[in-house]
Amino acid sequence: MPPSAPPADDTSPPRDAPRYEDALAELERLVSAMEGGQLPLDALLDNYRRGAQLLDLCRARLQAVEQQVKVLEDGQLKDWVTE
C-alpha cells in the first residue's frame, strides 16, 4: 500500500506567486523608484498598484507563518485548519 500524500497546506502561496523574499525585494525597488521622483505619472501609478499587490502578498505570507508558529506544539508544526 503506497504512503498517503501529505495533507494540503492551505497556507502555501499559489505556485505562480513570487517567494516572500523576492516580493519584498521588488517592493523595495518600486518604493525606491517612486521616491526618486523621476517617474512619469502613469509609471508611478503602475508602480503603486504593483506595490500594493506585493504588500498584500507579503502580509498574507507573514500571517500564514505567524499562524503556523502559534500552533507549534511539542516541536511539531501542525497543519493550520480553518473552519
C-alpha atoms as a PDB file:
ATOM      1  CA  MET A   1       0.000   0.000   0.000  1.00  0.00           C
ATOM      2  CA  PRO A   2       1.640   3.315  -1.068  1.00  0.00           C
ATOM      3  CA  PRO A   3       2.069   6.016   1.569  1.00  0.00           C
ATOM      4  CA  SER A   4      -0.646   8.614   1.582  1.00  0.00           C
ATOM      5  CA  ALA A   5       0.101  12.094   0.333  1.00  0.00           C
ATOM      6  CA  PRO A   6       0.657  14.746   2.986  1.00  0.00           C
ATOM      7  CA  PRO A   7      -2.358  16.947   3.657  1.00  0.00           C
ATOM      8  CA  ALA A   8      -2.684  20.045   1.519  1.00  0.00           C
ATOM      9  CA  ASP A   9      -1.154  23.143   3.064  1.00  0.00           C
ATOM     10  CA  ASP A  10      -3.751  25.931   2.849  1.00  0.00           C
ATOM     11  CA  THR A  11      -1.100  28.489   3.778  1.00  0.00           C
ATOM     12  CA  SER A  12       1.106  27.811   0.765  1.00  0.00           C
ATOM     13  CA  PRO A  13       1.230  30.584  -1.815  1.00  0.00           C
ATOM     14  CA  PRO A  14      -0.029  29.839  -5.317  1.00  0.00           C
ATOM     15  CA  ARG A  15       2.672  28.249  -7.483  1.00  0.00           C
ATOM     16  CA  ASP A  16       2.952  31.374  -9.640  1.00  0.00           C
ATOM     17  CA  ALA A  17       3.308  33.732  -6.664  1.00  0.00           C
ATOM     18  CA  PRO A  18       6.804  35.086  -6.003  1.00  0.00           C
ATOM     19  CA  ARG A  19       8.646  33.969  -2.889  1.00  0.00           C
ATOM     20  CA  TYR A  20       8.307  36.324   0.077  1.00  0.00           C
ATOM     21  CA  GLU A  21      11.917  37.449  -0.229  1.00  0.00           C
ATOM     22  CA  ASP A  22      11.561  38.154  -3.947  1.00  0.00           C
ATOM     23  CA  ALA A  23       8.313  40.059  -3.432  1.00  0.00           C
ATOM     24  CA  LEU A  24       9.895  42.144  -0.678  1.00  0.00           C
ATOM     25  CA  ALA A  25      12.950  42.942  -2.832  1.00  0.00           C
ATOM     26  CA  GLU A  26      10.705  44.003  -5.735  1.00  0.00           C
ATOM     27  CA  LEU A  27       8.615  46.130  -3.386  1.00  0.00           C
ATOM     28  CA  GLU A  28      11.748  47.862  -2.096  1.00  0.00           C
ATOM     29  CA  ARG A  29      12.876  48.590  -5.682  1.00  0.00           C
ATOM     30  CA  LEU A  30       9.459  50.046  -6.536  1.00  0.00           C
ATOM     31  CA  VAL A  31       9.434  52.272  -3.460  1.00  0.00           C
ATOM     32  CA  SER A  32      12.940  53.496  -4.216  1.00  0.00           C
ATOM     33  CA  ALA A  33      11.982  54.342  -7.805  1.00  0.00           C
ATOM     34  CA  MET A  34       8.834  56.131  -6.653  1.00  0.00           C
ATOM     35  CA  GLU A  35      10.708  58.116  -4.016  1.00  0.00           C
ATOM     36  CA  GLY A  36      13.204  59.206  -6.660  1.00  0.00           C
ATOM     37  CA  GLY A  37      10.553  61.475  -8.145  1.00  0.00           C
ATOM     38  CA  GLN A  38      11.647  60.817 -11.728  1.00  0.00           C
ATOM     39  CA  LEU A  39       8.806  58.564 -12.884  1.00  0.00           C
ATOM     40  CA  PRO A  40       6.065  59.775 -15.209  1.00  0.00           C
ATOM     41  CA  LEU A  41       2.605  59.776 -13.658  1.00  0.00           C
ATOM     42  CA  ASP A  42       1.447  56.595 -15.447  1.00  0.00           C
ATOM     43  CA  ALA A  43       4.533  54.663 -14.336  1.00  0.00           C
ATOM     44  CA  LEU A  44       4.092  55.984 -10.808  1.00  0.00           C
ATOM     45  CA  LEU A  45       0.515  54.707 -10.727  1.00  0.00           C
ATOM     46  CA  ASP A  46       1.549  51.322 -12.165  1.00  0.00           C
ATOM     47  CA  ASN A  47       4.300  51.014  -9.555  1.00  0.00           C
ATOM     48  CA  TYR A  48       1.851  51.930  -6.801  1.00  0.00           C
ATOM     49  CA  ARG A  49      -0.606  49.249  -7.945  1.00  0.00           C
ATOM     50  CA  ARG A  50       2.123  46.609  -8.167  1.00  0.00           C
ATOM     51  CA  GLY A  51       3.451  47.667  -4.783  1.00  0.00           C
ATOM     52  CA  ALA A  52       0.001  47.265  -3.238  1.00  0.00           C
ATOM     53  CA  GLN A  53      -0.217  43.726  -4.670  1.00  0.00           C
ATOM     54  CA  LEU A  54       3.212  42.841  -3.334  1.00  0.00           C
ATOM     55  CA  LEU A  55       2.400  44.308   0.069  1.00  0.00           C
ATOM     56  CA  ASP A  56      -0.757  42.188   0.272  1.00  0.00           C
ATOM     57  CA  LEU A  57       1.216  39.088  -0.705  1.00  0.00           C
ATOM     58  CA  CYS A  58       3.907  39.765   1.914  1.00  0.00           C
ATOM     59  CA  ARG A  59       1.345  40.415   4.644  1.00  0.00           C
ATOM     60  CA  ALA A  60      -0.566  37.239   3.795  1.00  0.00           C
ATOM     61  CA  ARG A  61       2.602  35.129   3.886  1.00  0.00           C
ATOM     62  CA  LEU A  62       3.663  36.642   7.215  1.00  0.00           C
ATOM     63  CA  GLN A  63       0.216  35.999   8.703  1.00  0.00           C
ATOM     64  CA  ALA A  64       0.286  32.390   7.486  1.00  0.00           C
ATOM     65  CA  VAL A  65       3.675  31.807   9.057  1.00  0.00           C
ATOM     66  CA  GLU A  66       2.544  33.503  12.265  1.00  0.00           C
ATOM     67  CA  GLN A  67      -0.459  31.171  12.464  1.00  0.00           C
ATOM     68  CA  GLN A  68       1.748  28.126  11.938  1.00  0.00           C
ATOM     69  CA  VAL A  69       4.091  29.255  14.692  1.00  0.00           C
ATOM     70  CA  LYS A  70       1.113  29.719  17.033  1.00  0.00           C
ATOM     71  CA  VAL A  71       0.153  26.074  16.620  1.00  0.00           C
ATOM     72  CA  LEU A  72       3.687  24.805  17.188  1.00  0.00           C
ATOM     73  CA  GLU A  73       3.369  22.095  19.774  1.00  0.00           C
ATOM     74  CA  ASP A  74       5.911  19.643  21.162  1.00  0.00           C
ATOM     75  CA  GLY A  75       8.390  20.552  18.433  1.00  0.00           C
ATOM     76  CA  GLN A  76       5.966  19.545  15.664  1.00  0.00           C
ATOM     77  CA  LEU A  77       4.433  22.054  13.313  1.00  0.00           C
ATOM     78  CA  LYS A  78       0.785  21.146  12.884  1.00  0.00           C
ATOM     79  CA  ASP A  79      -1.344  21.908   9.857  1.00  0.00           C
ATOM     80  CA  TRP A  80      -3.451  25.023  10.244  1.00  0.00           C
ATOM     81  CA  VAL A  81      -7.110  24.182   9.829  1.00  0.00           C
ATOM     82  CA  THR A  82      -9.618  26.934   9.072  1.00  0.00           C
ATOM     83  CA  GLU A  83     -13.247  26.492   9.830  1.00  0.00           C
END
